[in-house]
Amino acid sequence: MALFGALALAACGQDDTLSVQKLVSDAQQYNGKQITVNGFYLKGGENSAVSVLAPVISTLDNGLSARANGDMIWVDGFPDNVLGQLHQPGDSTYGLVRATGQFESGGSYGPDGQYKYRMQIASAEAIERVQRTEVRIENKPLGDGKVGLLELTADPAKYNGQSVTTQGYYFWNGVIFVLAEGVATEKDGSSPQPLGKTIWMEGFPPDESGKLHLGPGSPPGYVWGLVEVTGDFKSGGNFGKDGKYTEFLQATSAKALEQAK
């Protein structure tokens, strides 16, 4: 497991803003008050229902399965516009934030009432904003009977039940298997995530996966890259993780269009 939190949080605790540790250690004093606190916000991860502030977040090497550690504060009302500034490896959102809101203690908060503390967020900001680099396919005809991904997703019923050849960014992290319009990575190349239009895809050949961008570990924590795929296309269903994808491509053949350096 990779570990985030202790050193960064200590460094941010030099001003008058509370840390999560200090807040919960004297919870009764702050009960019912409007306070500002520095901590790691986590949404999702190992438990998809989680929305908490914590002193430490741990993840797998690929950034997945994030878990909050230490004393936790259940969070309601975290602003959506701040989520995009945090780490988003695919199954969660997390990062170091400064949050202001109403603090409560001594109750039973969150799912099954398992949290002793709660904070209703009034405002929040990312202490360290994540910088991302994006790559996307071009919206242009492919020729030779091939169908562009954007054309395919714009009129999926037209191609339903057919074998199609298209191009896009293959993305796999053990949880998500998609052909996407693009991929965004953090500045250091970590935490890739699919962008734009996406099609749930299965059957991508492992020998071609090895030519693409690979995450740490064995098997790798993630795979992504520009590919051309031929497969059987379906639309109008509930495919993939949580059934949230309306299009599906069962790959019958594929090739990498660029090799990772």
Protein backbone atom coordinates (compact mmCIF):
# COMPACT_ATOMS: atom_id res chain seq x y z
CA MET A 1 0.00 0.00 0.00
CA ALA A 2 1.16 3.53 -0.72
CA LEU A 3 0.61 5.96 2.14
CA PHE A 4 -0.32 9.64 1.93
CA GLY A 5 -0.83 12.05 4.76
CA ALA A 6 1.26 12.35 7.88
CA LEU A 7 4.06 14.63 6.70
CA ALA A 8 1.93 16.83 4.43
CA LEU A 9 -0.76 17.26 7.04
CA ALA A 10 1.75 18.18 9.73
CA ALA A 11 3.27 20.81 7.44
CA CYS A 12 -0.14 22.37 6.85
CA GLY A 13 -0.93 22.60 10.52
CA GLN A 14 1.38 25.49 11.34
CA ASP A 15 -1.29 28.20 11.06
CA ASP A 16 -4.47 28.63 13.09
CA THR A 17 -6.38 26.07 11.04
CA LEU A 18 -7.21 22.87 12.88
CA SER A 19 -5.90 19.48 11.82
CA VAL A 20 -8.23 16.47 11.88
CA GLN A 21 -6.26 15.05 14.83
CA LYS A 22 -6.53 18.24 16.88
CA LEU A 23 -10.23 18.65 16.07
CA VAL A 24 -11.31 15.17 17.16
CA SER A 25 -9.01 15.16 20.21
CA ASP A 26 -10.99 18.10 21.58
CA ALA A 27 -14.28 17.41 19.82
CA GLN A 28 -16.53 18.59 22.64
CA GLN A 29 -15.02 22.07 22.58
CA TYR A 30 -15.82 22.46 18.88
CA ASN A 31 -19.20 20.70 18.89
CA GLY A 32 -21.83 22.80 17.13
CA LYS A 33 -19.31 25.39 15.96
CA GLN A 34 -18.25 26.65 12.54
CA ILE A 35 -14.63 25.59 12.12
CA THR A 36 -11.93 25.28 9.45
CA VAL A 37 -9.88 22.10 9.26
CA ASN A 38 -7.11 20.66 7.12
CA GLY A 39 -7.36 16.98 6.25
CA PHE A 40 -7.54 14.39 3.50
CA TYR A 41 -10.95 14.18 1.91
CA LEU A 42 -11.94 10.77 0.51
CA LYS A 43 -14.98 9.97 -1.60
CA GLY A 44 -15.40 6.33 -2.61
CA GLY A 45 -12.45 3.96 -2.85
CA GLU A 46 -12.48 0.68 -0.97
CA ASN A 47 -16.01 1.56 0.19
CA SER A 48 -18.02 3.41 -2.48
CA ALA A 49 -20.30 4.99 0.16
CA VAL A 50 -17.48 6.79 1.99
CA SER A 51 -17.33 10.60 2.24
CA VAL A 52 -14.89 11.52 5.02
CA LEU A 53 -12.09 13.72 6.25
CA ALA A 54 -9.13 11.83 7.70
CA PRO A 55 -5.51 12.45 8.73
CA VAL A 56 -4.15 9.74 6.40
CA ILE A 57 -5.19 8.05 3.16
CA SER A 58 -3.67 4.76 1.96
CA THR A 59 -3.99 3.32 -1.55
CA LEU A 60 -2.65 0.53 -3.70
CA ASP A 61 0.32 1.44 -5.90
CA ASN A 62 -2.03 2.22 -8.80
CA GLY A 63 -4.02 4.64 -6.65
CA LEU A 64 -7.05 2.36 -6.37
CA SER A 65 -8.81 1.03 -3.27
CA ALA A 66 -8.20 4.20 -1.27
CA ARG A 67 -8.84 3.84 2.45
CA ALA A 68 -9.08 6.47 5.17
CA ASN A 69 -7.03 5.80 8.31
CA GLY A 70 -7.11 7.25 11.80
CA ASP A 71 -9.97 9.26 13.31
CA MET A 72 -12.51 10.09 10.59
CA ILE A 73 -15.15 12.79 10.22
CA TRP A 74 -18.22 12.04 8.11
CA VAL A 75 -18.68 14.78 5.49
CA ASP A 76 -21.88 16.10 3.92
CA GLY A 77 -22.02 18.70 1.17
CA PHE A 78 -18.48 18.58 -0.20
CA PRO A 79 -18.53 20.88 -3.28
CA ASP A 80 -18.41 19.13 -6.65
CA ASN A 81 -16.26 21.85 -8.22
CA VAL A 82 -13.39 20.99 -5.87
CA LEU A 83 -13.48 17.25 -6.67
CA GLY A 84 -11.93 17.88 -10.09
CA GLN A 85 -8.84 19.36 -8.43
CA LEU A 86 -8.07 16.19 -6.45
CA HIS A 87 -6.66 12.74 -7.26
CA GLN A 88 -9.12 10.65 -9.29
CA PRO A 89 -7.61 7.22 -10.01
CA GLY A 90 -10.89 5.68 -11.15
CA ASP A 91 -12.75 4.34 -8.13
CA SER A 92 -12.38 7.31 -5.77
CA THR A 93 -11.54 10.97 -5.31
CA TYR A 94 -9.07 12.04 -2.63
CA GLY A 95 -6.67 14.80 -1.71
CA LEU A 96 -5.51 17.29 0.90
CA VAL A 97 -8.10 20.00 1.46
CA ARG A 98 -9.03 22.89 3.72
CA ALA A 99 -12.72 22.74 4.63
CA THR A 100 -14.99 25.09 6.55
CA GLY A 101 -18.31 24.03 8.01
CA GLN A 102 -20.46 23.08 10.97
CA PHE A 103 -18.86 20.40 13.17
CA GLU A 104 -20.84 17.94 15.29
CA SER A 105 -19.70 15.24 17.67
CA GLY A 106 -21.22 12.60 19.92
CA GLY A 107 -23.76 11.35 17.41
CA SER A 108 -24.10 8.48 14.95
CA TYR A 109 -23.40 9.75 11.45
CA GLY A 110 -23.01 8.33 7.96
CA PRO A 111 -24.02 4.84 6.77
CA ASP A 112 -25.22 2.67 9.66
CA GLY A 113 -24.35 5.51 12.06
CA GLN A 114 -20.76 4.29 12.29
CA TYR A 115 -19.06 7.71 12.56
CA LYS A 116 -18.83 9.71 15.79
CA TYR A 117 -18.17 13.05 14.07
CA ARG A 118 -19.83 14.95 11.24
CA MET A 119 -19.11 18.09 9.27
CA GLN A 120 -21.57 19.95 7.03
CA ILE A 121 -19.32 21.68 4.52
CA ALA A 122 -19.93 25.37 3.75
CA SER A 123 -16.81 25.79 1.58
CA ALA A 124 -13.67 23.86 0.68
CA GLU A 125 -10.49 24.24 -1.34
CA ALA A 126 -7.74 21.92 -2.50
CA ILE A 127 -4.47 22.66 -0.68
CA GLU A 128 -2.47 21.09 -3.51
CA ARG A 129 -4.27 21.09 -6.84
CA VAL A 130 -3.58 18.10 -9.07
CA GLN A 131 -2.27 19.10 -12.51
CA ARG A 132 -3.35 16.82 -15.36
CA THR A 133 -2.27 16.22 -18.94
CA GLU A 134 -4.92 15.16 -21.46
CA VAL A 135 -4.72 13.30 -24.77
CA ARG A 136 -7.75 12.84 -27.03
CA ILE A 137 -8.57 11.33 -30.40
CA GLU A 138 -9.16 13.64 -33.34
CA ASN A 139 -12.71 13.99 -34.58
CA LYS A 140 -12.08 13.02 -38.21
CA PRO A 141 -13.14 10.27 -40.66
CA LEU A 142 -11.00 7.12 -40.51
CA GLY A 143 -11.75 5.76 -44.00
CA ASP A 144 -11.55 2.12 -45.17
CA GLY A 145 -14.96 1.35 -43.67
CA LYS A 146 -13.82 2.24 -40.14
CA VAL A 147 -16.05 4.23 -37.78
CA GLY A 148 -14.71 7.04 -35.62
CA LEU A 149 -15.41 6.66 -31.91
CA LEU A 150 -17.25 9.97 -31.72
CA GLU A 151 -19.35 9.01 -34.74
CA LEU A 152 -20.06 5.62 -33.16
CA THR A 153 -21.18 7.09 -29.84
CA ALA A 154 -23.18 9.89 -31.50
CA ASP A 155 -25.46 7.37 -33.27
CA PRO A 156 -24.96 4.02 -31.53
CA ALA A 157 -28.31 2.55 -32.65
CA LYS A 158 -27.10 2.74 -36.27
CA TYR A 159 -24.30 0.27 -35.51
CA ASN A 160 -26.07 -1.91 -32.93
CA GLY A 161 -25.41 -5.61 -33.51
CA GLN A 162 -22.71 -4.98 -36.11
CA SER A 163 -18.99 -5.67 -36.28
CA VAL A 164 -17.15 -2.35 -36.32
CA THR A 165 -13.56 -1.15 -36.48
CA THR A 166 -12.80 2.01 -34.54
CA GLN A 167 -9.99 3.83 -32.78
CA GLY A 168 -9.72 5.26 -29.30
CA TYR A 169 -7.84 5.10 -26.03
CA TYR A 170 -7.97 1.73 -24.33
CA PHE A 171 -8.10 2.05 -20.53
CA TRP A 172 -7.91 -0.76 -17.98
CA ASN A 173 -7.23 -0.62 -14.25
CA GLY A 174 -8.74 -3.88 -13.02
CA VAL A 175 -12.03 -2.11 -12.29
CA ILE A 176 -12.77 -0.21 -15.50
CA PHE A 177 -12.37 -1.67 -19.03
CA VAL A 178 -13.20 0.93 -21.67
CA LEU A 179 -12.45 2.40 -25.06
CA ALA A 180 -12.46 6.14 -24.48
CA GLU A 181 -12.27 9.44 -26.31
CA GLY A 182 -9.20 10.35 -24.26
CA VAL A 183 -7.14 9.81 -21.12
CA ALA A 184 -5.95 12.26 -18.47
CA THR A 185 -2.94 11.62 -16.26
CA GLU A 186 -1.41 13.52 -13.40
CA LYS A 187 1.70 15.53 -14.18
CA ASP A 188 4.02 12.63 -13.31
CA GLY A 189 2.04 10.19 -15.48
CA SER A 190 0.24 8.55 -12.57
CA SER A 191 -3.48 8.04 -11.89
CA PRO A 192 -4.72 7.83 -15.49
CA GLN A 193 -8.46 8.12 -16.04
CA PRO A 194 -10.65 7.94 -19.16
CA LEU A 195 -12.13 11.12 -20.61
CA GLY A 196 -15.13 11.99 -22.72
CA LYS A 197 -17.19 9.39 -24.55
CA THR A 198 -16.59 5.83 -23.33
CA ILE A 199 -17.59 2.34 -24.45
CA TRP A 200 -17.29 -0.64 -22.13
CA MET A 201 -14.90 -3.07 -23.84
CA GLU A 202 -13.78 -6.61 -23.13
CA GLY A 203 -11.43 -9.02 -24.88
CA PHE A 204 -8.50 -6.69 -25.59
CA PRO A 205 -5.50 -8.95 -26.39
CA PRO A 206 -2.84 -9.07 -23.64
CA ASP A 207 0.07 -9.08 -26.10
CA GLU A 208 -1.06 -5.69 -27.42
CA SER A 209 -1.64 -4.39 -23.87
CA GLY A 210 2.07 -4.89 -23.21
CA LYS A 211 2.93 -2.26 -25.83
CA LEU A 212 0.94 0.48 -24.08
CA HIS A 213 1.46 2.60 -20.96
CA LEU A 214 1.69 0.23 -17.99
CA GLY A 215 1.28 0.99 -14.31
CA PRO A 216 3.45 -0.43 -11.53
CA GLY A 217 3.16 -3.99 -10.28
CA SER A 218 2.62 -7.42 -11.80
CA PRO A 219 0.06 -7.52 -13.23
CA PRO A 220 0.31 -3.78 -13.91
CA GLY A 221 -1.94 -1.45 -11.97
CA TYR A 222 -3.24 0.09 -15.19
CA VAL A 223 -2.95 -0.08 -18.97
CA TRP A 224 -3.77 2.70 -21.41
CA GLY A 225 -2.94 3.85 -24.90
CA LEU A 226 -4.16 4.64 -28.42
CA VAL A 227 -5.48 1.53 -30.19
CA GLU A 228 -7.50 0.30 -33.15
CA VAL A 229 -10.12 -2.32 -32.32
CA THR A 230 -12.45 -4.54 -34.32
CA GLY A 231 -15.34 -6.10 -32.45
CA ASP A 232 -19.03 -6.77 -32.01
CA PHE A 233 -20.84 -3.61 -30.97
CA LYS A 234 -24.00 -3.37 -28.85
CA SER A 235 -25.93 -0.33 -27.67
CA GLY A 236 -28.90 0.49 -25.47
CA GLY A 237 -27.97 -1.79 -22.58
CA ASN A 238 -26.53 -1.60 -19.09
CA PHE A 239 -22.98 -2.82 -19.39
CA GLY A 240 -19.82 -2.91 -17.31
CA LYS A 241 -19.20 -1.67 -13.79
CA ASP A 242 -22.48 -0.88 -12.02
CA GLY A 243 -24.26 -1.24 -15.38
CA LYS A 244 -23.63 2.43 -16.14
CA TYR A 245 -22.34 2.03 -19.70
CA THR A 246 -24.92 2.06 -22.50
CA GLU A 247 -22.53 0.78 -25.21
CA PHE A 248 -20.40 -2.38 -25.31
CA LEU A 249 -17.66 -3.64 -27.63
CA GLN A 250 -16.48 -7.26 -27.55
CA ALA A 251 -13.06 -7.06 -29.16
CA THR A 252 -12.18 -9.73 -31.72
CA SER A 253 -8.88 -8.16 -32.77
CA ALA A 254 -6.89 -5.08 -31.79
CA LYS A 255 -3.54 -3.39 -32.21
CA ALA A 256 -1.63 -0.63 -30.47
CA LEU A 257 -1.29 2.49 -32.63
CA GLU A 258 1.51 3.95 -30.55
CA GLN A 259 3.98 2.31 -28.23
CA ALA A 260 4.77 3.73 -24.81
CA LYS A 261 8.30 5.01 -24.48
